């Protein structure tokens, strides 16, 4: 980012949590109606931040638990001349830790490579340091406990949001509570936020995908070929070190990092513009759409995950499917692409199929099938031998795994056997939307999508609770939406052949 703004330093996640929370409260909190649903919604959204911060800090501290003897040996190898071997071993060690802290040995900046001070000194005394407290600060928290309780806090907040989304259809009275800022101010903040976030994505140093998420769980193989784009200082430092060592597999193709950057920017832009478009075309209130989009940009999650393609690409496609719900073919195409990339939107099929049941079902299925067929065909580019493996991973065609999991279901955490009843409950909840409620409107489609994607977080075996982009846009649209009970498929979905006017 300091390519564009001199001496600019990315804020730490903790700093951004405080700043964004104050901004969210000042813009969206209804001070003249303290006991209101809107204020409850704002507080529920803010409850996601502590868990996210704890998980991030736990992953950062994970590096500190690596034996210092091994690190000293690697440094001595580097000093004796075996620099490349030492760097490769150190980078391999660091790459096992998701969201690793800055390199303990050197930092690559725009002005060259500088040696860091003695790491035994408190981080707050380092020039330009991140401001973290000293490592010897008395505390009973460890990296493992921070991650465990962080994921627990995330899923607890998701559970509260899940309940809120499930009871939303019964909230008939929905007074218009506009943000505390004019439409011009909201638009200005939104443009500035988006510009800063995307500048960080564009100037970040990509690094190879960690062995997590769709690489172990269901997902699309070609998506894993693209490198990650770190947007936090710690991950950026680790990525710069790995890139300097030149041991990343994707470096053989110079185009993949640029493709990842373009996809990240386009996906985030699609999410924001689609939310604004839904407010303008479907809510008949552009200020509501802009306010909803700005809230999405202000949330701490957005600042951390703007460069994660596994989060933003499926989210952009699902929001596009909602934006184009009046054109079933286009909506089905967008939905099929999202479901083919990360598998979990497949649980939305009962809801979306029942919505289009009386009009548009066939056209929606055509678009959905074309999208899946396109993604399946692209898998042939990697050869026929791996085709069946990629297909099984794309559609999750295996028994639920109980080993090698992460998040709340990781080793020495909640026993993985309890994941099975949670999965069954999610399947039953998803299937219930095929018959309940019998009359489905646009409001049901929005809140139901949020409910199902929230439910998938509880049995997601590779960081469930962190994939907020899959449900946050729909949660925000549910919070801001007006009464949409009259927007049913038979009245708003465009017919295949327009009726002639006599």
Protein backbone atom coordinates (compact mmCIF):
# COMPACT_ATOMS: atom_id res chain seq x y z
CA UNK A 1 0.00 0.00 0.00
CA UNK A 2 2.93 2.35 0.57
CA UNK A 3 3.41 2.29 -3.20
CA UNK A 4 0.41 4.63 -3.30
CA UNK A 5 0.56 6.41 0.07
CA UNK A 6 3.98 7.19 1.52
CA UNK A 7 4.65 5.76 5.01
CA UNK A 8 1.21 4.14 5.12
CA UNK A 9 1.06 1.10 7.40
CA UNK A 10 -1.76 -1.37 7.38
CA UNK A 11 -3.76 -1.30 10.60
CA UNK A 12 -3.64 -4.37 12.75
CA UNK A 13 -6.89 -6.37 12.94
CA UNK A 14 -7.43 -5.30 16.55
CA UNK A 15 -7.10 -1.64 15.60
CA UNK A 16 -9.52 -2.05 12.72
CA UNK A 17 -12.03 -3.83 14.97
CA UNK A 18 -12.21 -0.83 17.31
CA UNK A 19 -12.33 1.76 14.54
CA UNK A 20 -14.94 -0.06 12.48
CA UNK A 21 -17.08 -0.78 15.54
CA UNK A 22 -17.23 2.90 16.47
CA UNK A 23 -18.08 3.82 12.88
CA UNK A 24 -20.80 1.17 12.68
CA UNK A 25 -22.39 2.38 15.89
CA UNK A 26 -22.25 6.03 14.89
CA UNK A 27 -23.77 5.43 11.45
CA UNK A 28 -26.32 2.66 12.05
CA UNK A 29 -27.28 2.72 15.73
CA UNK A 30 -30.75 4.21 16.24
CA UNK A 31 -30.13 6.46 19.24
CA UNK A 32 -33.69 7.78 19.44
CA UNK A 33 -35.10 4.22 19.57
CA UNK A 34 -32.72 2.38 21.84
CA UNK A 35 -34.87 -0.76 22.16
CA UNK A 36 -35.31 -1.60 18.50
CA UNK A 37 -34.63 -4.56 16.25
CA UNK A 38 -32.14 -2.49 14.25
CA UNK A 39 -29.96 -1.90 17.32
CA UNK A 40 -30.17 -5.59 18.17
CA UNK A 41 -29.01 -6.46 14.67
CA UNK A 42 -26.06 -4.07 14.89
CA UNK A 43 -24.95 -5.59 18.18
CA UNK A 44 -25.29 -9.14 16.81
CA UNK A 45 -23.07 -8.23 13.87
CA UNK A 46 -20.48 -6.70 16.19
CA UNK A 47 -20.41 -9.95 18.19
CA UNK A 48 -18.64 -11.59 15.25
CA UNK A 49 -15.55 -9.45 15.79
CA UNK A 50 -14.19 -10.88 19.10
CA UNK A 51 -14.14 -14.45 17.83
CA UNK A 52 -12.54 -13.42 14.56
CA UNK A 53 -9.86 -11.49 16.43
CA UNK A 54 -9.16 -14.39 18.79
CA UNK A 55 -8.74 -16.83 15.92
CA UNK A 56 -6.38 -14.44 14.15
CA UNK A 57 -4.33 -13.86 17.30
CA UNK A 58 -4.21 -17.59 18.05
CA UNK A 59 -2.85 -18.34 14.61
CA UNK A 60 -0.29 -15.57 15.01
CA UNK A 61 0.86 -16.90 18.36
CA UNK A 62 1.12 -20.40 16.93
CA UNK A 63 4.46 -19.42 15.44
CA UNK A 64 5.81 -18.46 18.86
CA UNK A 65 5.35 -22.04 20.06
CA UNK A 66 7.80 -23.38 17.47
CA UNK A 67 10.98 -24.39 19.34
CA UNK A 68 13.51 -21.60 19.17
CA UNK A 69 16.33 -24.13 18.91
CA UNK A 70 15.16 -25.20 15.47
CA UNK A 71 14.93 -21.59 14.40
CA UNK A 72 18.45 -20.88 15.66
CA UNK A 73 19.75 -23.84 13.70
CA UNK A 74 18.16 -22.54 10.55
CA UNK A 75 19.69 -19.12 11.13
CA UNK A 76 23.12 -20.63 11.67
CA UNK A 77 22.76 -22.58 8.43
CA UNK A 78 21.99 -19.35 6.65
CA UNK A 79 25.00 -17.59 8.20
CA UNK A 80 27.34 -20.45 7.22
CA UNK A 81 26.42 -20.12 3.57
CA UNK A 82 23.57 -22.59 3.13
CA UNK A 83 21.18 -19.68 2.79
CA UNK A 84 18.82 -21.17 0.26
CA UNK A 85 18.41 -24.44 2.16
CA UNK A 86 17.87 -22.64 5.43
CA UNK A 87 15.32 -20.31 3.96
CA UNK A 88 13.43 -23.18 2.33
CA UNK A 89 13.26 -25.10 5.60
CA UNK A 90 12.20 -22.04 7.54
CA UNK A 91 9.54 -21.12 5.00
CA UNK A 92 8.23 -24.69 4.96
CA UNK A 93 8.00 -24.57 8.74
CA UNK A 94 6.20 -21.25 8.66
CA UNK A 95 3.80 -22.25 5.89
CA UNK A 96 2.26 -24.85 8.18
CA UNK A 97 0.81 -22.06 10.26
CA UNK A 98 -2.10 -20.23 8.69
CA UNK A 99 -1.90 -16.52 9.17
CA UNK A 100 1.68 -16.68 10.38
CA UNK A 101 3.33 -13.74 12.08
CA UNK A 102 5.98 -11.62 10.37
CA UNK A 103 9.23 -13.30 9.58
CA UNK A 104 11.38 -13.64 12.66
CA UNK A 105 14.55 -13.05 10.74
CA UNK A 106 14.06 -10.41 8.06
CA UNK A 107 11.49 -8.13 6.55
CA UNK A 108 11.41 -7.24 2.87
CA UNK A 109 10.14 -3.75 2.20
CA UNK A 110 10.23 -1.29 -0.65
CA UNK A 111 13.55 0.04 0.63
CA UNK A 112 15.37 -3.29 0.82
CA UNK A 113 15.94 -6.03 3.37
CA UNK A 114 16.53 -5.08 6.97
CA UNK A 115 17.42 -7.23 9.95
CA UNK A 116 14.96 -7.12 12.77
CA UNK A 117 16.06 -6.35 16.32
CA UNK A 118 16.46 -8.97 18.95
CA UNK A 119 13.14 -10.79 19.14
CA UNK A 120 13.48 -11.19 22.89
CA UNK A 121 12.63 -7.50 23.27
CA UNK A 122 9.00 -6.46 23.53
CA UNK A 123 7.34 -5.89 20.18
CA UNK A 124 6.29 -2.42 21.26
CA UNK A 125 9.93 -1.31 21.36
CA UNK A 126 10.67 -2.22 17.76
CA UNK A 127 10.84 0.65 15.30
CA UNK A 128 7.67 0.57 13.25
CA UNK A 129 6.50 -2.45 15.24
CA UNK A 130 2.97 -3.66 15.28
CA UNK A 131 2.37 -2.63 18.86
CA UNK A 132 1.79 -6.10 20.25
CA UNK A 133 2.41 -6.61 23.98
CA UNK A 134 5.61 -8.32 25.12
CA UNK A 135 5.72 -12.06 24.62
CA UNK A 136 6.56 -12.60 28.28
CA UNK A 137 3.37 -10.84 29.36
CA UNK A 138 1.82 -13.03 32.09
CA UNK A 139 -1.13 -14.79 30.54
CA UNK A 140 -2.76 -18.21 30.62
CA UNK A 141 -3.79 -17.95 26.97
CA UNK A 142 -2.04 -20.15 24.45
CA UNK A 143 -2.36 -20.30 20.69
CA UNK A 144 -4.46 -23.45 20.94
CA UNK A 145 -6.82 -22.06 23.55
CA UNK A 146 -7.21 -18.76 21.70
CA UNK A 147 -8.20 -20.54 18.51
CA UNK A 148 -10.57 -22.90 20.29
CA UNK A 149 -12.40 -20.18 22.19
CA UNK A 150 -12.25 -17.94 19.13
CA UNK A 151 -14.07 -20.48 16.99
CA UNK A 152 -16.47 -21.05 19.86
CA UNK A 153 -17.21 -17.34 20.04
CA UNK A 154 -17.68 -17.19 16.27
CA UNK A 155 -20.15 -20.06 16.23
CA UNK A 156 -21.99 -18.62 19.24
CA UNK A 157 -22.47 -15.35 17.36
CA UNK A 158 -23.52 -17.33 14.27
CA UNK A 159 -26.09 -19.19 16.38
CA UNK A 160 -27.63 -15.91 17.54
CA UNK A 161 -27.74 -14.64 13.97
CA UNK A 162 -29.28 -17.93 12.88
CA UNK A 163 -32.11 -17.52 15.37
CA UNK A 164 -32.60 -13.91 14.29
CA UNK A 165 -32.83 -14.91 10.61
CA UNK A 166 -35.28 -17.73 11.34
CA UNK A 167 -37.72 -15.45 13.16
CA UNK A 168 -37.41 -12.68 10.59
CA UNK A 169 -40.42 -13.78 8.47
CA UNK A 170 -42.77 -13.15 11.41
CA UNK A 171 -41.59 -9.55 11.79
CA UNK A 172 -44.26 -7.94 9.64
CA UNK A 173 -43.89 -4.35 10.83
CA UNK A 174 -40.66 -3.06 9.35
CA UNK A 175 -40.31 0.70 9.83
CA UNK A 176 -37.81 2.45 7.58
CA UNK A 177 -34.79 3.24 9.76
CA UNK A 178 -32.33 5.01 7.51
CA UNK A 179 -28.63 5.39 8.51
CA UNK A 180 -27.50 8.45 10.46
CA UNK A 181 -25.60 9.75 7.43
CA UNK A 182 -26.76 11.25 4.16
CA UNK A 183 -26.59 9.30 0.93
CA UNK A 184 -23.65 11.43 -0.22
CA UNK A 185 -21.69 10.72 2.94
CA UNK A 186 -22.43 7.00 2.73
CA UNK A 187 -21.33 6.88 -0.89
CA UNK A 188 -18.12 8.78 -0.10
CA UNK A 189 -17.21 6.46 2.78
CA UNK A 190 -18.05 3.43 0.66
CA UNK A 191 -15.86 4.52 -2.26
CA UNK A 192 -12.95 5.36 0.06
CA UNK A 193 -13.23 2.08 1.95
CA UNK A 194 -13.43 0.03 -1.21
CA UNK A 195 -10.45 1.87 -2.72
CA UNK A 196 -8.27 1.26 0.34
CA UNK A 197 -9.27 -2.40 0.65
CA UNK A 198 -8.67 -3.12 -3.02
CA UNK A 199 -5.36 -1.23 -2.99
CA UNK A 200 -4.18 -3.60 -0.29
CA UNK A 201 -5.25 -6.57 -2.40
CA UNK A 202 -3.50 -5.25 -5.51
CA UNK A 203 -0.22 -4.48 -3.73
CA UNK A 204 -0.13 -7.60 -1.56
CA UNK A 205 2.42 -10.36 -2.06
CA UNK A 206 0.60 -13.57 -3.04
CA UNK A 207 1.56 -16.85 -1.46
CA UNK A 208 0.65 -20.44 -2.05
CA UNK A 209 -2.66 -21.79 -0.80
CA UNK A 210 -2.49 -23.44 2.60
CA UNK A 211 -3.57 -27.05 2.87
CA UNK A 212 -7.03 -26.23 4.14
CA UNK A 213 -10.52 -25.48 2.97
CA UNK A 214 -11.38 -26.99 -0.41
CA UNK A 215 -7.92 -28.54 -0.69
CA UNK A 216 -9.05 -31.00 1.98
CA UNK A 217 -12.80 -30.55 1.97
CA UNK A 218 -15.27 -30.24 -0.89
CA UNK A 219 -14.44 -27.62 -3.47
CA UNK A 220 -13.27 -26.88 -7.00
CA UNK A 221 -9.77 -27.98 -7.96
CA UNK A 222 -8.99 -25.15 -10.37
CA UNK A 223 -9.79 -22.55 -7.71
CA UNK A 224 -7.00 -23.96 -5.54
CA UNK A 225 -4.42 -23.24 -8.24
CA UNK A 226 -4.65 -19.52 -7.54
CA UNK A 227 -2.45 -18.05 -4.77
CA UNK A 228 -3.80 -16.37 -1.67
CA UNK A 229 -3.68 -12.59 -1.35
CA UNK A 230 -2.88 -11.68 2.28
CA UNK A 231 -4.44 -8.47 3.56
CA UNK A 232 -3.07 -8.40 7.11
CA UNK A 233 0.47 -7.34 8.10
CA UNK A 234 1.44 -10.73 9.52
CA UNK A 235 0.38 -12.76 6.50
CA UNK A 236 1.93 -10.20 4.17
CA UNK A 237 5.26 -10.54 5.96
CA UNK A 238 5.20 -14.32 5.64
CA UNK A 239 4.23 -14.08 1.97
CA UNK A 240 7.05 -11.63 1.22
CA UNK A 241 9.56 -13.96 2.84
CA UNK A 242 8.29 -16.97 0.88
CA UNK A 243 8.32 -15.02 -2.38
CA UNK A 244 11.89 -13.86 -1.77
CA UNK A 245 12.99 -17.46 -1.24
CA UNK A 246 11.45 -18.41 -4.59
CA UNK A 247 10.02 -21.74 -3.44
CA UNK A 248 6.38 -21.19 -4.37
CA UNK A 249 4.91 -23.55 -6.94
CA UNK A 250 2.78 -20.92 -8.63
CA UNK A 251 5.85 -18.78 -9.42
CA UNK A 252 6.37 -20.90 -12.52
CA UNK A 253 3.35 -19.08 -13.93
CA UNK A 254 3.60 -15.32 -13.66
CA UNK A 255 -0.03 -14.89 -14.65
CA UNK A 256 -1.68 -16.64 -11.70
CA UNK A 257 -1.02 -13.85 -9.13
CA UNK A 258 -2.45 -11.23 -11.47
CA UNK A 259 -5.46 -13.43 -12.22
CA UNK A 260 -6.03 -13.81 -8.48
CA UNK A 261 -5.85 -10.05 -7.96
CA UNK A 262 -8.28 -9.35 -10.80
CA UNK A 263 -10.75 -11.96 -9.56
CA UNK A 264 -10.56 -10.62 -6.00
CA UNK A 265 -11.22 -7.03 -7.07
CA UNK A 266 -14.04 -8.02 -9.44
CA UNK A 267 -15.66 -10.28 -6.83
CA UNK A 268 -15.63 -7.63 -4.11
CA UNK A 269 -16.90 -5.01 -6.54
CA UNK A 270 -19.68 -7.39 -7.61
CA UNK A 271 -20.76 -7.94 -4.01
CA UNK A 272 -20.93 -4.21 -3.30
CA UNK A 273 -22.67 -3.23 -6.53
CA UNK A 274 -25.10 -6.14 -6.31
CA UNK A 275 -26.14 -5.10 -2.81
CA UNK A 276 -26.69 -1.54 -4.05
CA UNK A 277 -28.62 -2.89 -7.04
CA UNK A 278 -30.86 -5.01 -4.83
CA UNK A 279 -31.66 -1.93 -2.77
CA UNK A 280 -32.42 0.10 -5.89
CA UNK A 281 -34.41 -2.41 -7.95
CA UNK A 282 -35.92 -4.78 -5.37
CA UNK A 283 -36.21 -2.58 -2.26
CA UNK A 284 -37.07 0.61 -4.19
CA UNK A 285 -34.64 2.56 -2.00
CA UNK A 286 -31.12 3.22 -3.20
CA UNK A 287 -30.07 4.68 0.17
CA UNK A 288 -30.92 1.37 1.80
CA UNK A 289 -28.73 -0.44 -0.70
CA UNK A 290 -25.81 1.95 -0.23
CA UNK A 291 -26.13 1.78 3.55
CA UNK A 292 -26.14 -2.02 3.43
CA UNK A 293 -23.07 -2.10 1.17
CA UNK A 294 -21.14 0.35 3.36
CA UNK A 295 -21.92 -1.74 6.44
CA UNK A 296 -20.50 -4.79 4.67
CA UNK A 297 -17.29 -2.88 3.89
CA UNK A 298 -17.01 -1.63 7.47
CA UNK A 299 -17.23 -5.04 9.11
CA UNK A 300 -13.87 -6.32 10.47
CA UNK A 301 -14.25 -9.55 8.51
CA UNK A 302 -14.20 -7.72 5.18
CA UNK A 303 -10.84 -6.10 5.93
CA UNK A 304 -9.27 -9.48 6.69
CA UNK A 305 -10.71 -11.64 3.91
CA UNK A 306 -10.95 -9.39 0.86
CA UNK A 307 -8.15 -11.35 -0.80
CA UNK A 308 -9.47 -14.84 -0.03
CA UNK A 309 -10.96 -16.13 -3.27
CA UNK A 310 -12.68 -19.07 -1.58
CA UNK A 311 -14.75 -16.53 0.33
CA UNK A 312 -15.48 -13.71 -2.09
CA UNK A 313 -16.03 -15.48 -5.43
CA UNK A 314 -18.89 -17.75 -4.24
CA UNK A 315 -20.37 -14.84 -2.28
CA UNK A 316 -20.35 -12.61 -5.36
CA UNK A 317 -22.05 -15.29 -7.45
CA UNK A 318 -24.76 -15.94 -4.85
CA UNK A 319 -25.54 -12.24 -4.47
CA UNK A 320 -25.68 -11.96 -8.26
CA UNK A 321 -28.14 -14.87 -8.32
CA UNK A 322 -30.36 -12.92 -5.92
CA UNK A 323 -30.00 -9.70 -7.89
CA UNK A 324 -31.15 -11.44 -11.09
CA UNK A 325 -33.87 -13.57 -9.50
CA UNK A 326 -36.44 -12.20 -11.94
CA UNK A 327 -34.46 -13.78 -14.81
CA UNK A 328 -34.40 -17.49 -13.82
CA UNK A 329 -31.83 -18.57 -16.43
CA UNK A 330 -29.26 -15.97 -15.33
CA UNK A 331 -30.00 -16.58 -11.66
CA UNK A 332 -29.61 -20.34 -12.07
CA UNK A 333 -26.36 -19.83 -13.95
CA UNK A 334 -24.87 -17.70 -11.16
CA UNK A 335 -26.12 -20.08 -8.48
CA UNK A 336 -24.69 -23.09 -10.31
CA UNK A 337 -21.27 -21.48 -10.55
CA UNK A 338 -21.28 -20.72 -6.82
CA UNK A 339 -22.39 -24.25 -5.90
CA UNK A 340 -19.81 -25.80 -8.20
CA UNK A 341 -16.94 -23.80 -6.72
CA UNK A 342 -17.49 -24.48 -3.01
CA UNK A 343 -20.25 -27.15 -2.82
CA UNK A 344 -21.95 -25.73 0.28
CA UNK A 345 -24.59 -23.67 -1.62
CA UNK A 346 -25.99 -27.05 -2.74
CA UNK A 347 -27.88 -27.05 0.56
CA UNK A 348 -29.85 -24.06 -0.75
CA UNK A 349 -31.44 -26.09 -3.55
CA UNK A 350 -34.68 -26.97 -1.67
CA UNK A 351 -35.29 -23.28 -0.90
CA UNK A 352 -34.55 -21.94 -4.36
CA UNK A 353 -36.34 -24.74 -6.23
CA UNK A 354 -39.48 -24.29 -4.17
CA UNK A 355 -39.38 -20.53 -4.77
CA UNK A 356 -39.45 -21.04 -8.56
CA UNK A 357 -41.85 -24.00 -8.37
CA UNK A 358 -44.88 -22.21 -9.83
CA UNK A 359 -42.97 -20.15 -12.39
CA UNK A 360 -39.45 -20.29 -13.75
CA UNK A 361 -38.33 -23.65 -12.34
CA UNK A 362 -37.38 -25.16 -15.70
CA UNK A 363 -35.43 -22.11 -16.82
CA UNK A 364 -33.64 -21.89 -13.49
CA UNK A 365 -32.62 -25.55 -13.72
CA UNK A 366 -31.33 -24.98 -17.26
CA UNK A 367 -29.01 -22.21 -16.07
CA UNK A 368 -27.96 -24.26 -13.04
CA UNK A 369 -27.15 -27.32 -15.18
CA UNK A 370 -25.22 -25.30 -17.76
CA UNK A 371 -23.04 -23.79 -15.02
CA UNK A 372 -22.26 -27.17 -13.45
CA UNK A 373 -21.58 -28.69 -16.86
CA UNK A 374 -19.15 -25.89 -17.68
CA UNK A 375 -17.23 -26.37 -14.44
CA UNK A 376 -17.13 -30.14 -14.89
CA UNK A 377 -15.83 -29.72 -18.43
CA UNK A 378 -13.04 -27.42 -17.28
CA UNK A 379 -11.79 -30.14 -14.94
CA UNK A 380 -10.81 -32.17 -17.99
CA UNK A 381 -8.02 -29.65 -18.58
CA UNK A 382 -6.04 -31.32 -15.79
CA UNK A 383 -6.27 -34.75 -17.41
CA UNK A 384 -8.59 -37.72 -17.32
CA UNK A 385 -6.64 -39.53 -14.59
CA UNK A 386 -7.50 -36.94 -11.94
CA UNK A 387 -10.95 -36.18 -13.32
CA UNK A 388 -12.89 -38.57 -11.07
CA UNK A 389 -10.99 -37.36 -8.01
CA UNK A 390 -11.81 -33.75 -8.84
CA UNK A 391 -15.48 -34.63 -9.43
CA UNK A 392 -15.79 -36.35 -6.05
CA UNK A 393 -14.16 -33.36 -4.38
CA UNK A 394 -16.33 -30.89 -6.28
CA UNK A 395 -19.57 -32.53 -5.15
CA UNK A 396 -18.36 -33.85 -1.78
CA UNK A 397 -18.92 -37.49 -2.75
CA UNK A 398 -17.46 -39.15 0.33
CA UNK A 399 -18.45 -40.05 3.85
CA UNK A 400 -18.17 -37.26 6.45
CA UNK A 401 -14.60 -37.02 7.65
CA UNK A 402 -13.74 -37.22 11.31
CA UNK A 403 -9.96 -36.74 11.09
CA UNK A 404 -7.71 -33.99 9.83
CA UNK A 405 -10.29 -31.30 10.60
CA UNK A 406 -9.77 -27.72 11.70
CA UNK A 407 -11.69 -25.07 13.57
CA UNK A 408 -13.94 -26.19 16.39
CA UNK A 409 -13.61 -29.81 15.21
CA UNK A 410 -9.81 -29.81 15.19
CA UNK A 411 -7.57 -32.12 17.24
CA UNK A 412 -7.98 -31.86 21.03
CA UNK A 413 -11.13 -29.76 20.61
CA UNK A 414 -14.75 -30.83 20.28
CA UNK A 415 -14.96 -34.53 19.45
CA UNK A 416 -15.53 -34.92 15.72
CA UNK A 417 -18.24 -37.56 16.25
CA UNK A 418 -20.61 -34.78 17.32
CA UNK A 419 -20.20 -33.28 13.85
CA UNK A 420 -22.47 -35.98 12.38
CA UNK A 421 -25.68 -34.99 14.22
CA UNK A 422 -24.93 -31.35 13.42
CA UNK A 423 -24.65 -32.29 9.74
CA UNK A 424 -27.93 -34.21 9.90
CA UNK A 425 -29.61 -31.21 11.53
CA UNK A 426 -28.33 -28.95 8.76
CA UNK A 427 -29.68 -31.33 6.11
CA UNK A 428 -33.09 -31.43 7.81
CA UNK A 429 -33.16 -27.65 8.12
CA UNK A 430 -32.26 -27.30 4.46
CA UNK A 431 -34.91 -29.80 3.38
CA UNK A 432 -37.59 -28.14 5.48
CA UNK A 433 -37.48 -25.10 3.23
CA UNK A 434 -38.95 -27.21 0.43
CA UNK A 435 -42.32 -27.20 2.21
CA UNK A 436 -42.05 -24.35 4.74
CA UNK A 437 -43.25 -21.72 4.39
CA UNK A 438 -45.69 -22.76 1.68
CA UNK A 439 -45.82 -19.27 0.17
CA UNK A 440 -42.29 -18.11 -0.52
CA UNK A 441 -41.50 -14.49 -1.28
CA UNK A 442 -38.30 -12.59 -1.91
CA UNK A 443 -38.09 -12.00 1.84
CA UNK A 444 -38.13 -15.77 2.43
CA UNK A 445 -35.47 -16.26 -0.22
CA UNK A 446 -33.13 -13.73 1.40
CA UNK A 447 -33.54 -14.79 5.02
CA UNK A 448 -33.65 -18.51 4.15
CA UNK A 449 -30.39 -18.25 2.25
CA UNK A 450 -28.80 -16.58 5.26
CA UNK A 451 -30.16 -19.31 7.57
CA UNK A 452 -28.84 -22.23 5.52
CA UNK A 453 -25.42 -20.69 4.93
CA UNK A 454 -25.16 -19.90 8.64
CA UNK A 455 -26.09 -23.50 9.45
CA UNK A 456 -23.31 -24.86 7.23
CA UNK A 457 -20.75 -23.06 9.39
CA UNK A 458 -21.46 -25.36 12.33
CA UNK A 459 -20.43 -28.58 10.59
CA UNK A 460 -17.85 -27.06 8.24
CA UNK A 461 -14.74 -29.03 9.11
CA UNK A 462 -12.11 -26.56 7.94
CA UNK A 463 -12.66 -23.29 9.77
CA UNK A 464 -16.43 -23.13 10.16
CA UNK A 465 -17.44 -19.65 11.25
CA UNK A 466 -14.79 -17.86 9.21
CA UNK A 467 -16.64 -18.07 5.88
CA UNK A 468 -18.79 -15.05 6.64
CA UNK A 469 -18.97 -13.75 3.08
CA UNK A 470 -21.29 -16.64 2.30
CA UNK A 471 -23.98 -15.31 4.63
CA UNK A 472 -23.14 -11.71 5.59
CA UNK A 473 -24.62 -10.05 2.46
CA UNK A 474 -27.90 -11.91 2.98
CA UNK A 475 -27.94 -11.13 6.71
CA UNK A 476 -27.46 -7.44 5.96
CA UNK A 477 -30.14 -7.48 3.27
CA UNK A 478 -32.51 -9.13 5.74
CA UNK A 479 -31.77 -6.45 8.32
CA UNK A 480 -32.37 -3.58 5.89
CA UNK A 481 -35.18 -5.00 3.76
CA UNK A 482 -38.70 -3.54 3.68
CA UNK A 483 -41.85 -5.66 3.59
CA UNK A 484 -41.49 -7.96 0.56
CA UNK A 485 -44.36 -10.39 1.10
CA UNK A 486 -45.89 -9.51 -2.28
CA UNK A 487 -42.73 -10.41 -4.24
CA UNK A 488 -43.57 -14.00 -5.16
CA UNK A 489 -42.46 -15.86 -8.28
CA UNK A 490 -45.83 -15.78 -10.03
CA UNK A 491 -45.92 -11.98 -9.93
CA UNK A 492 -42.29 -10.87 -10.32
CA UNK A 493 -40.54 -13.59 -12.35
CA UNK A 494 -40.65 -12.74 -16.00
CA UNK A 495 -42.73 -15.20 -18.07
CA UNK A 496 -41.13 -17.17 -20.87
CA UNK A 497 -43.37 -15.51 -23.43
CA UNK A 498 -44.77 -12.06 -22.66
CA UNK A 499 -48.55 -12.00 -22.60
CA UNK A 500 -49.99 -10.05 -25.50
CA UNK A 501 -51.97 -6.97 -24.54
CA UNK A 502 -55.44 -6.84 -26.13
